[in-house]
């Protein structure tokens, strides 16, 4: 990164992908501001940089004034904020659309030179999934406020601490079967968190990326069934039963499961599973950013395999 860069603000920097990005930014020597509702949760990130280099700040993403204050002096802004399920006071539209719009407007007003928005494959304001619709609306709002923004749309992201492979790995170790929603035909193109972080770094520094949208997928697409079978093998339970669950039945079950702590499955997630989560081939991707995608098989066994396996 150019030495002329002084301050980069990373919304969502304490999250799964955010930590990879903050670590990379820290190696460049820039000052990194990480806004958060709970700055204490960001404290451990300070260890990734020099003393005083990584600065957690308190911010309410529903407040224009608070966001503007956190962006004072920002040269670049990265918005990684997203949720997979709603909670009280945190709806999809509020977090993934309205907050993205506020951050982009404030970044433009602060004079930031670069803005990177983390979206998702399938983002579409017209989607019947509230998650995908809010991601699509967030993209449009960012483009309107900050036309030069770079938008990144990853497929499901894997790496230590992920919410897919580790989640189903734990389920495989505890349950007599795993739900094969929709028969397991939905296709995914998992992308490594480190590759996504590398994509953000290129997007920050290469002017050719401005105003472009990138779809980020790994080197191979898998069906949902193939992924669950792979997870079971790596988790040491290769014979675990995969129970086909038609979408209508999955929707009914999700209506109850989304009431449980942690919301193991929601109706909106079932709607998302009705569509493949792979790159379209019509937009640039990792190769256009000079990144060779990392295979699932090179990383997932390092954190999913049982001890001694």
Foldseek 3Di string as FASTA:
>chain_A
DDPPFAEEEEECLLDDLNLLLLLVVQVVVHAYEYEDCDLVSCVVSCVSHDVNRYHYDYADLQDLVRLLVSCAPHQEYEYPWQDPDADVVRDLQVTLAVSLLSNLLSNVVNPHPEYEYEAAFQQDCPAPQSNSNSSVNSVVSNCVRPVFYFYEHEWQEDFPPGDPLQVLLVVLVPDLAAECEQVQAAKTFYFYSNLVSLLVVLRVPPSVRTNFYAYEGAPDMDTRVVSSCVSCVLSPNNPRHYHYDYLVRLQVVQVVQCVDVPSPHHNSVSSVSVHHRDDPVPGHYSVVSVDHTDDPVVGVSVRNHDVVD
